[in-house]
Amino acid sequence: MKVLGIESSCDECAAAVVEDGVLVLSNVVATQIPFHAAYNGVVPEIASRKHIEWIYGVVKEALDRAGLSPGDIDGVAASSRPGLLGALLVGLNFAKGFAWARGLPFIAVNHMLAHLYACRLKIPAPDSPPVLPPYPFLGLLVSGGHSIICRVDGFDDITVLGATIDDAVGEAFDKVSKYYGFGYPGGAAIDKLAREGNPDAFSFPLPKLHKGQHPYDMSYSGLKTAVINQLEQFRNPQAAPGAAGEGADIAASFQKTAIEILLRGLLRAAADTGLNTIVAGGGVAANSLLRSRLASREGLRCIFPPPEFCGDNGAMVAGIGCQYLERGETSPFTITASARVGGFKRKYP
């Protein structure tokens, strides 16, 4: 089964064709970074308009790269939640129109579940076998909008164990980077700059959530405040400054603490559940420190998608969409987009 996947939940206009839920025949991502860089963040109105301008061309290119015509497609999948509502509607409605015009089955998917599925994708090369971790395993979903630790019992069956109670980890990266002018997107800019800094130059605090009653939950608002508004309180006078200057030291120290917050809850969950396989997904899954820290943990099998499948992309949407379609599930053409998914963010009383 050849499935066309369309992703437009934020600022990436993406489409891909995936065969049998695994083999990536094409994967096209048109990034809007140059249009949002002046604002150091995504402007929803600009994102929606660019999706409208680009969606036809991106889908056509995905079909052309796969060497296929619209008549060769067996099904269509699109992200419908969570994300920027206006941006989601562009890709979702285009996908519905494509499927309706061709008489094809259509499925709307949760693009965060698609991020967990991304590790199963295979590019057509003999040295890239698909990674098929057996269920159950622990999932780590980390992006600009979400920070989630979950138990995964199937491609669409997850139990949220922990989540952020305020900012997502990717959002914290973006806001710190914007404040100090490190660059945009903030995650990639800080990751690069941090390699030249001293991660011990500042000792930023870890959050304490209800005295241990929520061992897997996360919080990033306190870290963000400490880095931006209380920097001098956390300077380590014994630490030698890095060779690249204070900016690199701030980036390295912030990144060290941000990743430690993730790992603290994740490793607790691994110990408590007895699950030793961890699958990561989302844009922050490309972070080099997160990858190296998890790779160094003995007794854990840590699986990351290739960097091109960490950010938003159509291949992950087509892949998970194929699983639904093969199971006989479809979505009505009346379905609409949703900016949020219940249970993906904690609310404390």
C-alpha atoms as a PDB file:
ATOM      1  CA  MET A   1       0.000   0.000   0.000  1.00  0.00           C
ATOM      2  CA  LYS A   2       1.359   3.408  -1.036  1.00  0.00           C
ATOM      3  CA  VAL A   3       0.196   6.202   1.259  1.00  0.00           C
ATOM      4  CA  LEU A   4       0.568   9.930   0.720  1.00  0.00           C
ATOM      5  CA  GLY A   5       1.247  11.713   4.022  1.00  0.00           C
ATOM      6  CA  ILE A   6       0.770  15.450   4.548  1.00  0.00           C
ATOM      7  CA  GLU A   7       2.071  17.389   7.560  1.00  0.00           C
ATOM      8  CA  SER A   8       1.404  21.089   8.238  1.00  0.00           C
ATOM      9  CA  SER A   9       1.042  21.332  12.014  1.00  0.00           C
ATOM     10  CA  CYS A  10       3.487  24.222  12.436  1.00  0.00           C
ATOM     11  CA  ASP A  11       5.966  25.837  10.056  1.00  0.00           C
ATOM     12  CA  GLU A  12       7.064  22.866   7.941  1.00  0.00           C
ATOM     13  CA  CYS A  13       5.037  22.221   4.797  1.00  0.00           C
ATOM     14  CA  ALA A  14       5.724  18.534   4.212  1.00  0.00           C
ATOM     15  CA  ALA A  15       4.534  15.630   2.105  1.00  0.00           C
ATOM     16  CA  ALA A  16       5.847  12.111   1.550  1.00  0.00           C
ATOM     17  CA  VAL A  17       4.972   8.777   0.024  1.00  0.00           C
ATOM     18  CA  VAL A  18       5.566   5.649   2.108  1.00  0.00           C
ATOM     19  CA  GLU A  19       5.017   2.063   0.986  1.00  0.00           C
ATOM     20  CA  ASP A  20       3.618  -0.540   3.370  1.00  0.00           C
ATOM     21  CA  GLY A  21       4.112   1.747   6.344  1.00  0.00           C
ATOM     22  CA  VAL A  22       7.907   1.460   6.275  1.00  0.00           C
ATOM     23  CA  LEU A  23       9.661   2.202   2.968  1.00  0.00           C
ATOM     24  CA  VAL A  24      10.043   5.934   2.314  1.00  0.00           C
ATOM     25  CA  LEU A  25       9.702   6.548  -1.422  1.00  0.00           C
ATOM     26  CA  SER A  26       9.899  10.329  -1.073  1.00  0.00           C
ATOM     27  CA  ASN A  27      10.036  12.892   1.714  1.00  0.00           C
ATOM     28  CA  VAL A  28       9.728  16.604   0.904  1.00  0.00           C
ATOM     29  CA  VAL A  29       9.943  19.288   3.591  1.00  0.00           C
ATOM     30  CA  ALA A  30       9.618  22.968   2.672  1.00  0.00           C
ATOM     31  CA  THR A  31      10.857  24.922   5.678  1.00  0.00           C
ATOM     32  CA  GLN A  32       9.591  28.372   6.568  1.00  0.00           C
ATOM     33  CA  ILE A  33      12.551  29.236   8.809  1.00  0.00           C
ATOM     34  CA  PRO A  34      13.652  32.279   6.732  1.00  0.00           C
ATOM     35  CA  PHE A  35      10.172  33.798   7.031  1.00  0.00           C
ATOM     36  CA  HIS A  36      10.013  33.450  10.823  1.00  0.00           C
ATOM     37  CA  ALA A  37      13.657  34.140  11.690  1.00  0.00           C
ATOM     38  CA  ALA A  38      13.095  37.896  11.908  1.00  0.00           C
ATOM     39  CA  TYR A  39      10.627  37.245  14.739  1.00  0.00           C
ATOM     40  CA  ASN A  40      12.708  34.528  16.452  1.00  0.00           C
ATOM     41  CA  GLY A  41       9.617  32.360  16.544  1.00  0.00           C
ATOM     42  CA  VAL A  42       6.773  31.042  14.450  1.00  0.00           C
ATOM     43  CA  VAL A  43       4.112  33.593  13.468  1.00  0.00           C
ATOM     44  CA  PRO A  44       0.891  31.576  13.027  1.00  0.00           C
ATOM     45  CA  GLU A  45      -0.611  33.817  10.338  1.00  0.00           C
ATOM     46  CA  ILE A  46       2.557  33.669   8.235  1.00  0.00           C
ATOM     47  CA  ALA A  47       2.747  29.909   8.679  1.00  0.00           C
ATOM     48  CA  SER A  48      -0.827  29.394   7.477  1.00  0.00           C
ATOM     49  CA  ARG A  49      -0.372  31.606   4.423  1.00  0.00           C
ATOM     50  CA  LYS A  50       2.856  29.893   3.393  1.00  0.00           C
ATOM     51  CA  HIS A  51       1.194  26.497   3.675  1.00  0.00           C
ATOM     52  CA  ILE A  52      -1.545  27.707   1.327  1.00  0.00           C
ATOM     53  CA  GLU A  53       1.041  28.942  -1.157  1.00  0.00           C
ATOM     54  CA  TRP A  54       3.217  25.826  -1.039  1.00  0.00           C
ATOM     55  CA  ILE A  55       1.022  22.801  -0.369  1.00  0.00           C
ATOM     56  CA  TYR A  56       0.221  21.937  -3.998  1.00  0.00           C
ATOM     57  CA  GLY A  57       3.845  22.182  -5.111  1.00  0.00           C
ATOM     58  CA  VAL A  58       5.140  20.183  -2.135  1.00  0.00           C
ATOM     59  CA  VAL A  59       2.671  17.335  -2.743  1.00  0.00           C
ATOM     60  CA  LYS A  60       3.454  17.312  -6.464  1.00  0.00           C
ATOM     61  CA  GLU A  61       7.181  17.145  -5.724  1.00  0.00           C
ATOM     62  CA  ALA A  62       6.630  14.247  -3.321  1.00  0.00           C
ATOM     63  CA  LEU A  63       4.788  12.324  -6.025  1.00  0.00           C
ATOM     64  CA  ASP A  64       7.405  13.204  -8.657  1.00  0.00           C
ATOM     65  CA  ARG A  65      10.322  12.098  -6.460  1.00  0.00           C
ATOM     66  CA  ALA A  66       8.557   8.802  -5.807  1.00  0.00           C
ATOM     67  CA  GLY A  67       8.040   8.346  -9.552  1.00  0.00           C
ATOM     68  CA  LEU A  68       4.294   8.088  -9.058  1.00  0.00           C
ATOM     69  CA  SER A  69       1.130   9.719 -10.363  1.00  0.00           C
ATOM     70  CA  PRO A  70      -1.949  10.485  -8.234  1.00  0.00           C
ATOM     71  CA  GLY A  71      -3.495   7.292  -9.622  1.00  0.00           C
ATOM     72  CA  ASP A  72      -0.755   5.207  -7.996  1.00  0.00           C
ATOM     73  CA  ILE A  73      -1.664   6.311  -4.447  1.00  0.00           C
ATOM     74  CA  ASP A  74      -3.719   3.876  -2.354  1.00  0.00           C
ATOM     75  CA  GLY A  75      -4.548   6.109   0.612  1.00  0.00           C
ATOM     76  CA  VAL A  76      -4.036   9.558   2.122  1.00  0.00           C
ATOM     77  CA  ALA A  77      -3.059  10.546   5.668  1.00  0.00           C
ATOM     78  CA  ALA A  78      -2.741  13.999   7.206  1.00  0.00           C
ATOM     79  CA  SER A  79      -1.971  15.522  10.586  1.00  0.00           C
ATOM     80  CA  SER A  80      -5.095  16.863  12.270  1.00  0.00           C
ATOM     81  CA  ARG A  81      -3.809  17.467  15.822  1.00  0.00           C
ATOM     82  CA  PRO A  82      -2.118  18.961  17.799  1.00  0.00           C
ATOM     83  CA  GLY A  83      -0.579  22.118  16.375  1.00  0.00           C
ATOM     84  CA  LEU A  84      -1.357  25.587  15.052  1.00  0.00           C
ATOM     85  CA  LEU A  85      -5.011  25.444  14.076  1.00  0.00           C
ATOM     86  CA  GLY A  86      -4.760  27.507  10.895  1.00  0.00           C
ATOM     87  CA  ALA A  87      -1.685  25.652   9.701  1.00  0.00           C
ATOM     88  CA  LEU A  88      -3.238  22.246  10.399  1.00  0.00           C
ATOM     89  CA  LEU A  89      -6.366  23.122   8.438  1.00  0.00           C
ATOM     90  CA  VAL A  90      -4.400  23.788   5.248  1.00  0.00           C
ATOM     91  CA  GLY A  91      -2.776  20.363   5.055  1.00  0.00           C
ATOM     92  CA  LEU A  92      -5.811  18.540   6.396  1.00  0.00           C
ATOM     93  CA  ASN A  93      -8.216  20.072   3.898  1.00  0.00           C
ATOM     94  CA  PHE A  94      -5.842  19.550   0.983  1.00  0.00           C
ATOM     95  CA  ALA A  95      -5.511  15.894   1.961  1.00  0.00           C
ATOM     96  CA  LYS A  96      -9.267  15.489   2.240  1.00  0.00           C
ATOM     97  CA  GLY A  97      -9.730  17.069  -1.184  1.00  0.00           C
ATOM     98  CA  PHE A  98      -7.091  14.826  -2.743  1.00  0.00           C
ATOM     99  CA  ALA A  99      -8.639  11.702  -1.232  1.00  0.00           C
ATOM    100  CA  TRP A 100     -12.211  12.691  -2.161  1.00  0.00           C
ATOM    101  CA  ALA A 101     -11.292  13.524  -5.758  1.00  0.00           C
ATOM    102  CA  ARG A 102      -9.523  10.173  -6.231  1.00  0.00           C
ATOM    103  CA  GLY A 103     -11.992   8.097  -4.229  1.00  0.00           C
ATOM    104  CA  LEU A 104      -9.246   7.064  -1.789  1.00  0.00           C
ATOM    105  CA  PRO A 105      -9.457   6.099   1.885  1.00  0.00           C
ATOM    106  CA  PHE A 106      -8.446   8.951   4.162  1.00  0.00           C
ATOM    107  CA  ILE A 107      -7.163   9.013   7.757  1.00  0.00           C
ATOM    108  CA  ALA A 108      -6.485  11.976  10.051  1.00  0.00           C
ATOM    109  CA  VAL A 109      -3.701  11.278  12.534  1.00  0.00           C
ATOM    110  CA  ASN A 110      -2.216  12.619  15.741  1.00  0.00           C
ATOM    111  CA  HIS A 111       1.162  13.882  14.598  1.00  0.00           C
ATOM    112  CA  MET A 112       2.747  13.322  18.028  1.00  0.00           C
ATOM    113  CA  LEU A 113       1.988   9.605  17.701  1.00  0.00           C
ATOM    114  CA  ALA A 114       3.512   9.849  14.241  1.00  0.00           C
ATOM    115  CA  HIS A 115       6.746  11.132  15.826  1.00  0.00           C
ATOM    116  CA  LEU A 116       6.945   7.913  17.859  1.00  0.00           C
ATOM    117  CA  TYR A 117       6.387   5.909  14.685  1.00  0.00           C
ATOM    118  CA  ALA A 118       9.237   7.659  12.842  1.00  0.00           C
ATOM    119  CA  CYS A 119      11.898   5.210  14.064  1.00  0.00           C
ATOM    120  CA  ARG A 120      10.222   2.472  11.986  1.00  0.00           C
ATOM    121  CA  LEU A 121      10.760   4.260   8.684  1.00  0.00           C
ATOM    122  CA  LYS A 122      13.289   2.920   6.201  1.00  0.00           C
ATOM    123  CA  ILE A 123      14.925   4.761   3.348  1.00  0.00           C
ATOM    124  CA  PRO A 124      15.531   2.658   0.194  1.00  0.00           C
ATOM    125  CA  ALA A 125      19.149   1.746   0.860  1.00  0.00           C
ATOM    126  CA  PRO A 126      20.633  -1.698   1.596  1.00  0.00           C
ATOM    127  CA  ASP A 127      22.473  -0.496   4.702  1.00  0.00           C
ATOM    128  CA  SER A 128      19.459   1.007   6.460  1.00  0.00           C
ATOM    129  CA  PRO A 129      17.284  -1.776   7.876  1.00  0.00           C
ATOM    130  CA  PRO A 130      14.122  -0.610   9.639  1.00  0.00           C
ATOM    131  CA  VAL A 131      14.249  -0.485  13.408  1.00  0.00           C
ATOM    132  CA  LEU A 132      11.257  -2.359  14.791  1.00  0.00           C
ATOM    133  CA  PRO A 133      11.298  -2.195  18.593  1.00  0.00           C
ATOM    134  CA  PRO A 134       8.843  -4.649  20.154  1.00  0.00           C
ATOM    135  CA  TYR A 135       6.025  -3.299  22.270  1.00  0.00           C
ATOM    136  CA  PRO A 136       5.866  -2.226  25.022  1.00  0.00           C
ATOM    137  CA  PHE A 137       8.562   0.425  25.310  1.00  0.00           C
ATOM    138  CA  LEU A 138       8.989   3.883  26.780  1.00  0.00           C
ATOM    139  CA  GLY A 139       8.375   6.840  24.515  1.00  0.00           C
ATOM    140  CA  LEU A 140       9.984  10.257  24.847  1.00  0.00           C
ATOM    141  CA  LEU A 141       8.185  12.931  22.832  1.00  0.00           C
ATOM    142  CA  VAL A 142      10.064  16.225  22.917  1.00  0.00           C
ATOM    143  CA  SER A 143       9.300  19.213  20.725  1.00  0.00           C
ATOM    144  CA  GLY A 144       8.483  22.905  20.757  1.00  0.00           C
ATOM    145  CA  GLY A 145       4.996  22.201  22.018  1.00  0.00           C
ATOM    146  CA  HIS A 146       5.273  18.979  24.020  1.00  0.00           C
ATOM    147  CA  SER A 147       7.404  17.127  26.537  1.00  0.00           C
ATOM    148  CA  ILE A 148       5.912  13.695  27.196  1.00  0.00           C
ATOM    149  CA  ILE A 149       7.122  10.468  28.797  1.00  0.00           C
ATOM    150  CA  CYS A 150       4.809   7.591  27.989  1.00  0.00           C
ATOM    151  CA  ARG A 151       4.387   3.828  27.910  1.00  0.00           C
ATOM    152  CA  VAL A 152       3.816   2.649  24.347  1.00  0.00           C
ATOM    153  CA  ASP A 153       1.822  -0.560  23.847  1.00  0.00           C
ATOM    154  CA  GLY A 154       1.011  -0.059  20.166  1.00  0.00           C
ATOM    155  CA  PHE A 155       1.391   2.461  17.385  1.00  0.00           C
ATOM    156  CA  ASP A 156      -1.770   4.226  18.602  1.00  0.00           C
ATOM    157  CA  ASP A 157      -1.839   3.018  22.198  1.00  0.00           C
ATOM    158  CA  ILE A 158       0.104   5.147  24.664  1.00  0.00           C
ATOM    159  CA  THR A 159      -0.249   5.886  28.360  1.00  0.00           C
ATOM    160  CA  VAL A 160       1.124   9.262  29.424  1.00  0.00           C
ATOM    161  CA  LEU A 161       3.293   8.818  32.513  1.00  0.00           C
ATOM    162  CA  GLY A 162       4.718  12.311  32.715  1.00  0.00           C
ATOM    163  CA  ALA A 163       4.406  15.628  30.910  1.00  0.00           C
ATOM    164  CA  THR A 164       5.381  19.254  31.270  1.00  0.00           C
ATOM    165  CA  ILE A 165       3.236  21.364  33.564  1.00  0.00           C
ATOM    166  CA  ASP A 166       4.155  24.589  31.759  1.00  0.00           C
ATOM    167  CA  ASP A 167       6.662  25.192  28.946  1.00  0.00           C
ATOM    168  CA  ALA A 168       7.795  22.397  26.655  1.00  0.00           C
ATOM    169  CA  VAL A 169      11.519  21.757  26.403  1.00  0.00           C
ATOM    170  CA  GLY A 170      11.709  22.999  22.812  1.00  0.00           C
ATOM    171  CA  GLU A 171       9.861  26.172  23.776  1.00  0.00           C
ATOM    172  CA  ALA A 172      12.416  26.824  26.531  1.00  0.00           C
ATOM    173  CA  PHE A 173      15.262  26.406  24.030  1.00  0.00           C
ATOM    174  CA  ASP A 174      13.607  28.871  21.654  1.00  0.00           C
ATOM    175  CA  LYS A 175      12.902  31.510  24.313  1.00  0.00           C
ATOM    176  CA  VAL A 176      16.397  31.411  25.830  1.00  0.00           C
ATOM    177  CA  SER A 177      17.930  31.593  22.372  1.00  0.00           C
ATOM    178  CA  LYS A 178      15.705  34.525  21.437  1.00  0.00           C
ATOM    179  CA  TYR A 179      16.570  36.460  24.602  1.00  0.00           C
ATOM    180  CA  TYR A 180      20.324  36.112  24.152  1.00  0.00           C
ATOM    181  CA  GLY A 181      20.296  36.345  20.352  1.00  0.00           C
ATOM    182  CA  PHE A 182      21.829  32.911  19.836  1.00  0.00           C
ATOM    183  CA  GLY A 183      19.903  32.305  16.625  1.00  0.00           C
ATOM    184  CA  TYR A 184      16.799  30.669  15.228  1.00  0.00           C
ATOM    185  CA  PRO A 185      15.648  27.931  15.488  1.00  0.00           C
ATOM    186  CA  GLY A 186      16.737  28.019  19.111  1.00  0.00           C
ATOM    187  CA  GLY A 187      17.257  24.291  19.630  1.00  0.00           C
ATOM    188  CA  ALA A 188      19.780  23.897  16.851  1.00  0.00           C
ATOM    189  CA  ALA A 189      21.502  27.207  17.675  1.00  0.00           C
ATOM    190  CA  ILE A 190      21.995  26.348  21.356  1.00  0.00           C
ATOM    191  CA  ASP A 191      23.084  22.789  20.580  1.00  0.00           C
ATOM    192  CA  LYS A 192      25.817  24.110  18.283  1.00  0.00           C
ATOM    193  CA  LEU A 193      26.951  26.940  20.564  1.00  0.00           C
ATOM    194  CA  ALA A 194      26.967  24.738  23.668  1.00  0.00           C
ATOM    195  CA  ARG A 195      29.730  22.565  22.213  1.00  0.00           C
ATOM    196  CA  GLU A 196      32.132  25.486  22.713  1.00  0.00           C
ATOM    197  CA  GLY A 197      31.058  26.379  26.256  1.00  0.00           C
ATOM    198  CA  ASN A 198      31.558  25.123  29.797  1.00  0.00           C
ATOM    199  CA  PRO A 199      28.390  23.308  30.977  1.00  0.00           C
ATOM    200  CA  ASP A 200      29.439  23.855  34.614  1.00  0.00           C
ATOM    201  CA  ALA A 201      29.805  27.636  34.338  1.00  0.00           C
ATOM    202  CA  PHE A 202      26.301  28.086  35.774  1.00  0.00           C
ATOM    203  CA  SER A 203      24.487  25.765  38.188  1.00  0.00           C
ATOM    204  CA  PHE A 204      20.860  26.206  37.205  1.00  0.00           C
ATOM    205  CA  PRO A 205      18.217  24.632  39.478  1.00  0.00           C
ATOM    206  CA  LEU A 206      16.134  21.544  38.784  1.00  0.00           C
ATOM    207  CA  PRO A 207      12.382  21.823  39.437  1.00  0.00           C
ATOM    208  CA  LYS A 208      10.739  20.252  42.482  1.00  0.00           C
ATOM    209  CA  LEU A 209       7.183  19.204  41.715  1.00  0.00           C
ATOM    210  CA  HIS A 210       4.837  18.671  44.666  1.00  0.00           C
ATOM    211  CA  LYS A 211       7.542  17.007  46.772  1.00  0.00           C
ATOM    212  CA  GLY A 212       7.963  13.959  44.565  1.00  0.00           C
ATOM    213  CA  GLN A 213       4.279  13.211  44.020  1.00  0.00           C
ATOM    214  CA  HIS A 214       4.738  13.567  40.273  1.00  0.00           C
ATOM    215  CA  PRO A 215       8.043  11.789  39.604  1.00  0.00           C
ATOM    216  CA  TYR A 216       7.819  11.777  35.815  1.00  0.00           C
ATOM    217  CA  ASP A 217       6.471  15.294  35.218  1.00  0.00           C
ATOM    218  CA  MET A 218       8.603  18.179  34.021  1.00  0.00           C
ATOM    219  CA  SER A 219       8.703  21.961  34.316  1.00  0.00           C
ATOM    220  CA  TYR A 220      10.731  24.446  32.290  1.00  0.00           C
ATOM    221  CA  SER A 221       9.363  27.839  33.330  1.00  0.00           C
ATOM    222  CA  GLY A 222      11.676  28.014  36.358  1.00  0.00           C
ATOM    223  CA  LEU A 223      14.759  27.153  34.323  1.00  0.00           C
ATOM    224  CA  LYS A 224      13.806  29.707  31.690  1.00  0.00           C
ATOM    225  CA  THR A 225      13.377  32.383  34.377  1.00  0.00           C
ATOM    226  CA  ALA A 226      16.701  31.490  36.004  1.00  0.00           C
ATOM    227  CA  VAL A 227      18.618  31.722  32.730  1.00  0.00           C
ATOM    228  CA  ILE A 228      16.990  34.940  31.553  1.00  0.00           C
ATOM    229  CA  ASN A 229      16.276  36.929  34.723  1.00  0.00           C
ATOM    230  CA  GLN A 230      18.463  35.476  37.487  1.00  0.00           C
ATOM    231  CA  LEU A 231      21.674  34.562  35.699  1.00  0.00           C
ATOM    232  CA  GLU A 232      24.133  35.959  38.251  1.00  0.00           C
ATOM    233  CA  GLN A 233      22.545  34.011  41.106  1.00  0.00           C
ATOM    234  CA  PHE A 234      23.620  30.742  39.506  1.00  0.00           C
ATOM    235  CA  ARG A 235      27.114  31.587  38.295  1.00  0.00           C
ATOM    236  CA  ASN A 236      29.702  29.075  39.484  1.00  0.00           C
ATOM    237  CA  PRO A 237      32.776  31.095  40.532  1.00  0.00           C
ATOM    238  CA  GLN A 238      34.950  27.973  40.643  1.00  0.00           C
ATOM    239  CA  ALA A 239      34.245  27.035  37.012  1.00  0.00           C
ATOM    240  CA  ALA A 240      36.730  28.094  34.386  1.00  0.00           C
ATOM    241  CA  PRO A 241      35.115  30.076  31.574  1.00  0.00           C
ATOM    242  CA  GLY A 242      34.865  28.410  28.196  1.00  0.00           C
ATOM    243  CA  ALA A 243      37.073  29.565  25.360  1.00  0.00           C
ATOM    244  CA  ALA A 244      34.123  30.811  23.289  1.00  0.00           C
ATOM    245  CA  GLY A 245      32.868  33.392  25.782  1.00  0.00           C
ATOM    246  CA  GLU A 246      29.977  33.752  28.189  1.00  0.00           C
ATOM    247  CA  GLY A 247      27.284  33.161  25.581  1.00  0.00           C
ATOM    248  CA  ALA A 248      28.578  29.651  24.936  1.00  0.00           C
ATOM    249  CA  ASP A 249      28.785  29.005  28.688  1.00  0.00           C
ATOM    250  CA  ILE A 250      25.156  30.080  29.139  1.00  0.00           C
ATOM    251  CA  ALA A 251      24.089  27.835  26.260  1.00  0.00           C
ATOM    252  CA  ALA A 252      26.040  24.840  27.558  1.00  0.00           C
ATOM    253  CA  SER A 253      24.837  25.233  31.148  1.00  0.00           C
ATOM    254  CA  PHE A 254      21.229  25.746  30.100  1.00  0.00           C
ATOM    255  CA  GLN A 255      21.295  22.766  27.758  1.00  0.00           C
ATOM    256  CA  LYS A 256      22.845  20.539  30.426  1.00  0.00           C
ATOM    257  CA  THR A 257      20.040  21.366  32.872  1.00  0.00           C
ATOM    258  CA  ALA A 258      17.268  21.158  30.276  1.00  0.00           C
ATOM    259  CA  ILE A 259      18.357  17.667  29.246  1.00  0.00           C
ATOM    260  CA  GLU A 260      18.822  16.623  32.883  1.00  0.00           C
ATOM    261  CA  ILE A 261      15.178  17.530  33.572  1.00  0.00           C
ATOM    262  CA  LEU A 262      14.111  15.180  30.786  1.00  0.00           C
ATOM    263  CA  LEU A 263      16.417  12.370  31.852  1.00  0.00           C
ATOM    264  CA  ARG A 264      15.452  12.565  35.514  1.00  0.00           C
ATOM    265  CA  GLY A 265      11.828  11.655  34.793  1.00  0.00           C
ATOM    266  CA  LEU A 266      12.631   9.281  31.945  1.00  0.00           C
ATOM    267  CA  LEU A 267      15.138   7.193  33.895  1.00  0.00           C
ATOM    268  CA  ARG A 268      12.794   7.020  36.871  1.00  0.00           C
ATOM    269  CA  ALA A 269      10.088   5.720  34.563  1.00  0.00           C
ATOM    270  CA  ALA A 270      12.457   3.130  33.105  1.00  0.00           C
ATOM    271  CA  ALA A 271      13.390   1.900  36.573  1.00  0.00           C
ATOM    272  CA  ASP A 272       9.798   1.803  37.811  1.00  0.00           C
ATOM    273  CA  THR A 273       8.283   0.107  34.746  1.00  0.00           C
ATOM    274  CA  GLY A 274      11.167  -2.244  34.003  1.00  0.00           C
ATOM    275  CA  LEU A 275      11.081  -1.189  30.344  1.00  0.00           C
ATOM    276  CA  ASN A 276      14.610  -0.900  28.980  1.00  0.00           C
ATOM    277  CA  THR A 277      13.815   0.237  25.431  1.00  0.00           C
ATOM    278  CA  ILE A 278      13.315   3.965  24.879  1.00  0.00           C
ATOM    279  CA  VAL A 279      12.126   5.459  21.603  1.00  0.00           C
ATOM    280  CA  ALA A 280      12.475   9.213  21.140  1.00  0.00           C
ATOM    281  CA  GLY A 281      10.671  11.467  18.699  1.00  0.00           C
ATOM    282  CA  GLY A 282      10.152  15.142  17.974  1.00  0.00           C
ATOM    283  CA  GLY A 283      12.487  17.968  17.039  1.00  0.00           C
ATOM    284  CA  VAL A 284      14.424  17.944  20.315  1.00  0.00           C
ATOM    285  CA  ALA A 285      15.241  14.266  19.706  1.00  0.00           C
ATOM    286  CA  ALA A 286      17.918  15.594  17.353  1.00  0.00           C
ATOM    287  CA  ASN A 287      19.744  17.229  20.278  1.00  0.00           C
ATOM    288  CA  SER A 288      23.298  15.880  20.472  1.00  0.00           C
ATOM    289  CA  LEU A 289      23.563  15.967  24.280  1.00  0.00           C
ATOM    290  CA  LEU A 290      20.295  14.069  24.742  1.00  0.00           C
ATOM    291  CA  ARG A 291      21.462  11.428  22.293  1.00  0.00           C
ATOM    292  CA  SER A 292      24.897  11.034  23.864  1.00  0.00           C
ATOM    293  CA  ARG A 293      23.573  10.915  27.430  1.00  0.00           C
ATOM    294  CA  LEU A 294      21.059   8.199  26.605  1.00  0.00           C
ATOM    295  CA  ALA A 295      23.539   6.258  24.483  1.00  0.00           C
ATOM    296  CA  SER A 296      25.918   6.101  27.444  1.00  0.00           C
ATOM    297  CA  ARG A 297      23.362   4.521  29.791  1.00  0.00           C
ATOM    298  CA  GLU A 298      24.113   0.855  30.363  1.00  0.00           C
ATOM    299  CA  GLY A 299      21.159  -1.508  30.290  1.00  0.00           C
ATOM    300  CA  LEU A 300      19.034   0.747  28.095  1.00  0.00           C
ATOM    301  CA  ARG A 301      18.346   0.438  24.387  1.00  0.00           C
ATOM    302  CA  CYS A 302      17.743   3.938  23.048  1.00  0.00           C
ATOM    303  CA  ILE A 303      16.350   4.408  19.547  1.00  0.00           C
ATOM    304  CA  PHE A 304      16.323   7.740  17.747  1.00  0.00           C
ATOM    305  CA  PRO A 305      14.997   8.406  14.247  1.00  0.00           C
ATOM    306  CA  PRO A 306      17.473   9.802  11.716  1.00  0.00           C
ATOM    307  CA  PRO A 307      17.680  13.596  12.081  1.00  0.00           C
ATOM    308  CA  GLU A 308      15.538  14.159   8.969  1.00  0.00           C
ATOM    309  CA  PHE A 309      12.687  12.268  10.634  1.00  0.00           C
ATOM    310  CA  CYS A 310      12.968  14.024  14.031  1.00  0.00           C
ATOM    311  CA  GLY A 311      11.359  17.267  12.935  1.00  0.00           C
ATOM    312  CA  ASP A 312       7.905  17.482  11.403  1.00  0.00           C
ATOM    313  CA  ASN A 313       7.712  15.473   8.173  1.00  0.00           C
ATOM    314  CA  GLY A 314       5.196  13.755   5.958  1.00  0.00           C
ATOM    315  CA  ALA A 315       6.871  10.331   6.035  1.00  0.00           C
ATOM    316  CA  MET A 316       5.973   9.681   9.663  1.00  0.00           C
ATOM    317  CA  VAL A 317       2.368  10.707   8.918  1.00  0.00           C
ATOM    318  CA  ALA A 318       2.171   8.398   5.900  1.00  0.00           C
ATOM    319  CA  GLY A 319       3.769   5.551   7.864  1.00  0.00           C
ATOM    320  CA  ILE A 320       1.394   5.605  10.793  1.00  0.00           C
ATOM    321  CA  GLY A 321      -1.497   6.372   8.445  1.00  0.00           C
ATOM    322  CA  CYS A 322      -0.813   3.129   6.602  1.00  0.00           C
ATOM    323  CA  GLN A 323      -1.192   1.209   9.863  1.00  0.00           C
ATOM    324  CA  TYR A 324      -4.665   2.662  10.403  1.00  0.00           C
ATOM    325  CA  LEU A 325      -5.740   2.088   6.805  1.00  0.00           C
ATOM    326  CA  GLU A 326      -4.530  -1.510   6.794  1.00  0.00           C
ATOM    327  CA  ARG A 327      -6.604  -2.028   9.943  1.00  0.00           C
ATOM    328  CA  GLY A 328      -9.623  -0.757   8.055  1.00  0.00           C
ATOM    329  CA  GLU A 329      -9.937   2.565   9.849  1.00  0.00           C
ATOM    330  CA  THR A 330     -10.749   5.762   7.984  1.00  0.00           C
ATOM    331  CA  SER A 331     -11.778   9.285   8.961  1.00  0.00           C
ATOM    332  CA  PRO A 332     -14.913  11.085   7.750  1.00  0.00           C
ATOM    333  CA  PHE A 333     -14.414  14.073   5.482  1.00  0.00           C
ATOM    334  CA  THR A 334     -16.229  16.133   8.124  1.00  0.00           C
ATOM    335  CA  ILE A 335     -13.324  15.783  10.554  1.00  0.00           C
ATOM    336  CA  THR A 336     -11.577  19.020  11.483  1.00  0.00           C
ATOM    337  CA  ALA A 337      -8.343  20.059  13.142  1.00  0.00           C
ATOM    338  CA  SER A 338      -7.633  20.441  16.845  1.00  0.00           C
ATOM    339  CA  ALA A 339      -4.919  22.591  18.382  1.00  0.00           C
ATOM    340  CA  ARG A 340      -4.568  20.406  21.492  1.00  0.00           C
ATOM    341  CA  VAL A 341      -4.827  16.811  22.633  1.00  0.00           C
ATOM    342  CA  GLY A 342      -6.212  16.027  26.068  1.00  0.00           C
ATOM    343  CA  GLY A 343      -3.743  14.532  28.551  1.00  0.00           C
ATOM    344  CA  PHE A 344      -0.632  15.757  26.739  1.00  0.00           C
ATOM    345  CA  LYS A 345      -0.054  18.512  29.299  1.00  0.00           C
ATOM    346  CA  ARG A 346      -0.432  18.382  33.061  1.00  0.00           C
ATOM    347  CA  LYS A 347      -2.684  20.753  34.982  1.00  0.00           C
ATOM    348  CA  TYR A 348      -1.974  21.015  38.686  1.00  0.00           C
ATOM    349  CA  PRO A 349      -4.628  22.296  41.102  1.00  0.00           C
END
